[in-house]
């Protein structure tokens, strides 16, 4: 009887460990041609998350995707790139900031910043050189981030 109880306990613990955290948030980010902050935007463009949260980038308007920005990911996080016109689900596990862009509209400023837990790589992310309108949009987003902290 003890052996069965011990095995059942191990199986239950293993199954529970494989399940997503009950308190993980589901966050939705829209990919838009026109949003609250102008044209070609992620809405929201500043996402505050916790480790384990799930962020779904919704292909609301056609012609968009989501891609990580070189130098704007926490250590150990692999680069990612979604397909055009497709929703993309990103589960954020590591603390830090994640910079993302829409590949075809990056120069037009279609970017976003995801902050997860402790901002372990914030200074490295701020130091990344941005192109076109992305540069001024990131300045605005980092100012919003600083005000929120």
C-alpha atoms as a PDB file:
ATOM      1  CA  UNK A   1       0.000   0.000   0.000  1.00  0.00           C
ATOM      2  CA  UNK A   2       2.810   2.417   0.873  1.00  0.00           C
ATOM      3  CA  UNK A   3       4.506   1.710  -2.446  1.00  0.00           C
ATOM      4  CA  UNK A   4       1.309   2.554  -4.377  1.00  0.00           C
ATOM      5  CA  UNK A   5       0.856   5.762  -2.421  1.00  0.00           C
ATOM      6  CA  UNK A   6       4.472   6.742  -3.063  1.00  0.00           C
ATOM      7  CA  UNK A   7       4.118   6.053  -6.820  1.00  0.00           C
ATOM      8  CA  UNK A   8       0.828   7.983  -6.981  1.00  0.00           C
ATOM      9  CA  UNK A   9       2.471  10.926  -5.191  1.00  0.00           C
ATOM     10  CA  UNK A  10       5.376  10.955  -7.656  1.00  0.00           C
ATOM     11  CA  UNK A  11       3.060  10.781 -10.670  1.00  0.00           C
ATOM     12  CA  UNK A  12       0.875  13.581  -9.364  1.00  0.00           C
ATOM     13  CA  UNK A  13       3.873  15.782  -8.625  1.00  0.00           C
ATOM     14  CA  UNK A  14       5.245  15.122 -12.100  1.00  0.00           C
ATOM     15  CA  UNK A  15       1.955  15.977 -13.783  1.00  0.00           C
ATOM     16  CA  UNK A  16       1.497  19.128 -11.756  1.00  0.00           C
ATOM     17  CA  UNK A  17       5.036  20.224 -12.536  1.00  0.00           C
ATOM     18  CA  UNK A  18       4.309  19.886 -16.256  1.00  0.00           C
ATOM     19  CA  UNK A  19       1.185  22.042 -16.072  1.00  0.00           C
ATOM     20  CA  UNK A  20       1.348  25.817 -16.561  1.00  0.00           C
ATOM     21  CA  UNK A  21       1.240  27.884 -13.422  1.00  0.00           C
ATOM     22  CA  UNK A  22      -2.308  28.615 -12.329  1.00  0.00           C
ATOM     23  CA  UNK A  23      -1.478  32.283 -11.863  1.00  0.00           C
ATOM     24  CA  UNK A  24       0.132  32.774 -15.285  1.00  0.00           C
ATOM     25  CA  UNK A  25      -1.468  35.613 -17.224  1.00  0.00           C
ATOM     26  CA  UNK A  26      -2.644  35.499 -20.817  1.00  0.00           C
ATOM     27  CA  UNK A  27      -1.713  38.793 -22.480  1.00  0.00           C
ATOM     28  CA  UNK A  28      -2.973  39.797 -25.916  1.00  0.00           C
ATOM     29  CA  UNK A  29      -1.031  42.141 -28.214  1.00  0.00           C
ATOM     30  CA  UNK A  30      -2.662  43.303 -31.437  1.00  0.00           C
ATOM     31  CA  UNK A  31      -0.705  43.818 -34.662  1.00  0.00           C
ATOM     32  CA  UNK A  32      -2.390  46.835 -36.262  1.00  0.00           C
ATOM     33  CA  UNK A  33      -2.147  49.073 -39.304  1.00  0.00           C
ATOM     34  CA  UNK A  34      -3.595  51.875 -37.167  1.00  0.00           C
ATOM     35  CA  UNK A  35      -3.867  51.989 -33.403  1.00  0.00           C
ATOM     36  CA  UNK A  36      -4.072  54.390 -30.484  1.00  0.00           C
ATOM     37  CA  UNK A  37      -0.484  55.588 -31.023  1.00  0.00           C
ATOM     38  CA  UNK A  38      -0.587  55.914 -34.796  1.00  0.00           C
ATOM     39  CA  UNK A  39       0.109  53.695 -37.766  1.00  0.00           C
ATOM     40  CA  UNK A  40       1.880  50.340 -37.860  1.00  0.00           C
ATOM     41  CA  UNK A  41       1.824  49.477 -34.163  1.00  0.00           C
ATOM     42  CA  UNK A  42       1.726  46.703 -31.632  1.00  0.00           C
ATOM     43  CA  UNK A  43      -1.012  47.500 -29.130  1.00  0.00           C
ATOM     44  CA  UNK A  44       0.010  47.656 -26.361  1.00  0.00           C
ATOM     45  CA  UNK A  45       3.649  48.432 -27.149  1.00  0.00           C
ATOM     46  CA  UNK A  46       4.815  48.096 -23.516  1.00  0.00           C
ATOM     47  CA  UNK A  47       3.925  44.767 -21.956  1.00  0.00           C
ATOM     48  CA  UNK A  48       4.581  44.140 -18.277  1.00  0.00           C
ATOM     49  CA  UNK A  49       4.674  40.395 -17.630  1.00  0.00           C
ATOM     50  CA  UNK A  50       5.809  37.830 -15.089  1.00  0.00           C
ATOM     51  CA  UNK A  51       7.777  34.643 -15.742  1.00  0.00           C
ATOM     52  CA  UNK A  52       5.414  32.017 -17.109  1.00  0.00           C
ATOM     53  CA  UNK A  53       2.991  34.496 -18.691  1.00  0.00           C
ATOM     54  CA  UNK A  54       1.742  33.767 -22.191  1.00  0.00           C
ATOM     55  CA  UNK A  55       1.740  36.598 -24.732  1.00  0.00           C
ATOM     56  CA  UNK A  56      -0.312  36.123 -27.880  1.00  0.00           C
ATOM     57  CA  UNK A  57       0.449  38.423 -30.787  1.00  0.00           C
ATOM     58  CA  UNK A  58      -2.786  38.605 -32.767  1.00  0.00           C
ATOM     59  CA  UNK A  59      -2.566  39.179 -36.520  1.00  0.00           C
ATOM     60  CA  UNK A  60      -5.489  41.610 -36.484  1.00  0.00           C
ATOM     61  CA  UNK A  61      -4.499  43.322 -39.740  1.00  0.00           C
ATOM     62  CA  UNK A  62      -2.703  41.630 -42.640  1.00  0.00           C
ATOM     63  CA  UNK A  63       0.956  42.149 -43.471  1.00  0.00           C
ATOM     64  CA  UNK A  64       2.458  41.793 -39.988  1.00  0.00           C
ATOM     65  CA  UNK A  65       4.569  39.385 -37.970  1.00  0.00           C
ATOM     66  CA  UNK A  66       6.602  39.502 -34.765  1.00  0.00           C
ATOM     67  CA  UNK A  67      10.365  38.964 -34.511  1.00  0.00           C
ATOM     68  CA  UNK A  68      12.878  39.374 -31.704  1.00  0.00           C
ATOM     69  CA  UNK A  69      15.391  42.205 -32.035  1.00  0.00           C
ATOM     70  CA  UNK A  70      19.100  41.297 -31.936  1.00  0.00           C
ATOM     71  CA  UNK A  71      20.631  42.278 -28.592  1.00  0.00           C
ATOM     72  CA  UNK A  72      17.256  42.766 -26.892  1.00  0.00           C
ATOM     73  CA  UNK A  73      16.659  39.375 -25.305  1.00  0.00           C
ATOM     74  CA  UNK A  74      17.643  38.063 -21.867  1.00  0.00           C
ATOM     75  CA  UNK A  75      20.594  35.652 -21.785  1.00  0.00           C
ATOM     76  CA  UNK A  76      19.536  32.142 -22.744  1.00  0.00           C
ATOM     77  CA  UNK A  77      16.394  33.161 -24.664  1.00  0.00           C
ATOM     78  CA  UNK A  78      16.423  32.017 -28.279  1.00  0.00           C
ATOM     79  CA  UNK A  79      15.613  34.419 -31.093  1.00  0.00           C
ATOM     80  CA  UNK A  80      12.178  33.972 -32.635  1.00  0.00           C
ATOM     81  CA  UNK A  81      10.275  35.024 -35.751  1.00  0.00           C
ATOM     82  CA  UNK A  82       6.649  34.340 -36.617  1.00  0.00           C
ATOM     83  CA  UNK A  83       5.135  33.787 -40.037  1.00  0.00           C
ATOM     84  CA  UNK A  84       3.375  36.648 -41.782  1.00  0.00           C
ATOM     85  CA  UNK A  85      -0.341  37.077 -41.068  1.00  0.00           C
ATOM     86  CA  UNK A  86      -0.288  34.428 -38.316  1.00  0.00           C
ATOM     87  CA  UNK A  87      -0.908  34.715 -34.592  1.00  0.00           C
ATOM     88  CA  UNK A  88       2.153  33.941 -32.488  1.00  0.00           C
ATOM     89  CA  UNK A  89       2.255  32.665 -28.923  1.00  0.00           C
ATOM     90  CA  UNK A  90       5.271  33.509 -26.771  1.00  0.00           C
ATOM     91  CA  UNK A  91       5.654  32.118 -23.262  1.00  0.00           C
ATOM     92  CA  UNK A  92       8.122  34.304 -21.368  1.00  0.00           C
ATOM     93  CA  UNK A  93      10.128  32.298 -18.846  1.00  0.00           C
ATOM     94  CA  UNK A  94      13.213  34.391 -18.103  1.00  0.00           C
ATOM     95  CA  UNK A  95      13.518  37.721 -16.334  1.00  0.00           C
ATOM     96  CA  UNK A  96      14.583  40.641 -18.503  1.00  0.00           C
ATOM     97  CA  UNK A  97      13.358  42.777 -21.359  1.00  0.00           C
ATOM     98  CA  UNK A  98      12.445  41.455 -24.780  1.00  0.00           C
ATOM     99  CA  UNK A  99      12.498  43.796 -27.780  1.00  0.00           C
ATOM    100  CA  UNK A 100      10.255  42.820 -30.682  1.00  0.00           C
ATOM    101  CA  UNK A 101       9.526  44.204 -34.131  1.00  0.00           C
ATOM    102  CA  UNK A 102       7.343  43.613 -37.138  1.00  0.00           C
ATOM    103  CA  UNK A 103       9.874  42.672 -39.800  1.00  0.00           C
ATOM    104  CA  UNK A 104       8.426  44.658 -42.734  1.00  0.00           C
ATOM    105  CA  UNK A 105       7.406  47.685 -40.620  1.00  0.00           C
ATOM    106  CA  UNK A 106      10.379  48.012 -38.261  1.00  0.00           C
ATOM    107  CA  UNK A 107      11.655  51.187 -39.960  1.00  0.00           C
ATOM    108  CA  UNK A 108       8.160  52.648 -39.563  1.00  0.00           C
ATOM    109  CA  UNK A 109       8.404  52.097 -35.808  1.00  0.00           C
ATOM    110  CA  UNK A 110       6.362  48.920 -35.335  1.00  0.00           C
ATOM    111  CA  UNK A 111       8.135  47.754 -32.195  1.00  0.00           C
ATOM    112  CA  UNK A 112       7.277  46.711 -28.645  1.00  0.00           C
ATOM    113  CA  UNK A 113       9.034  46.070 -25.352  1.00  0.00           C
ATOM    114  CA  UNK A 114       8.158  43.200 -23.034  1.00  0.00           C
ATOM    115  CA  UNK A 115       9.368  43.474 -19.430  1.00  0.00           C
ATOM    116  CA  UNK A 116       9.436  40.216 -17.487  1.00  0.00           C
ATOM    117  CA  UNK A 117      10.212  40.194 -13.761  1.00  0.00           C
ATOM    118  CA  UNK A 118      13.576  41.816 -13.004  1.00  0.00           C
ATOM    119  CA  UNK A 119      15.026  43.839 -15.930  1.00  0.00           C
ATOM    120  CA  UNK A 120      18.336  41.948 -16.027  1.00  0.00           C
ATOM    121  CA  UNK A 121      19.338  43.201 -19.506  1.00  0.00           C
ATOM    122  CA  UNK A 122      17.753  46.660 -19.541  1.00  0.00           C
ATOM    123  CA  UNK A 123      20.965  48.606 -20.171  1.00  0.00           C
ATOM    124  CA  UNK A 124      22.030  46.297 -23.012  1.00  0.00           C
ATOM    125  CA  UNK A 125      18.559  46.671 -24.563  1.00  0.00           C
ATOM    126  CA  UNK A 126      18.705  50.464 -24.291  1.00  0.00           C
ATOM    127  CA  UNK A 127      22.115  50.447 -26.026  1.00  0.00           C
ATOM    128  CA  UNK A 128      20.888  48.636 -29.157  1.00  0.00           C
ATOM    129  CA  UNK A 129      20.972  50.966 -32.160  1.00  0.00           C
ATOM    130  CA  UNK A 130      17.524  51.351 -33.719  1.00  0.00           C
ATOM    131  CA  UNK A 131      16.584  52.387 -37.253  1.00  0.00           C
ATOM    132  CA  UNK A 132      14.139  54.938 -38.583  1.00  0.00           C
ATOM    133  CA  UNK A 133      11.060  55.677 -36.536  1.00  0.00           C
ATOM    134  CA  UNK A 134      11.827  52.689 -34.268  1.00  0.00           C
ATOM    135  CA  UNK A 135      14.480  54.856 -32.583  1.00  0.00           C
ATOM    136  CA  UNK A 136      12.016  57.537 -31.401  1.00  0.00           C
ATOM    137  CA  UNK A 137       9.327  54.979 -30.557  1.00  0.00           C
ATOM    138  CA  UNK A 138      11.758  53.060 -28.340  1.00  0.00           C
ATOM    139  CA  UNK A 139      12.717  56.322 -26.601  1.00  0.00           C
ATOM    140  CA  UNK A 140       9.031  56.859 -25.809  1.00  0.00           C
ATOM    141  CA  UNK A 141       8.524  53.263 -24.663  1.00  0.00           C
ATOM    142  CA  UNK A 142      11.601  53.331 -22.410  1.00  0.00           C
ATOM    143  CA  UNK A 143      10.345  56.617 -20.899  1.00  0.00           C
ATOM    144  CA  UNK A 144       6.975  54.971 -20.238  1.00  0.00           C
ATOM    145  CA  UNK A 145       8.780  51.946 -18.772  1.00  0.00           C
ATOM    146  CA  UNK A 146      10.871  54.172 -16.458  1.00  0.00           C
ATOM    147  CA  UNK A 147       7.730  55.986 -15.269  1.00  0.00           C
ATOM    148  CA  UNK A 148       6.029  52.658 -14.514  1.00  0.00           C
ATOM    149  CA  UNK A 149       8.925  51.309 -12.407  1.00  0.00           C
END
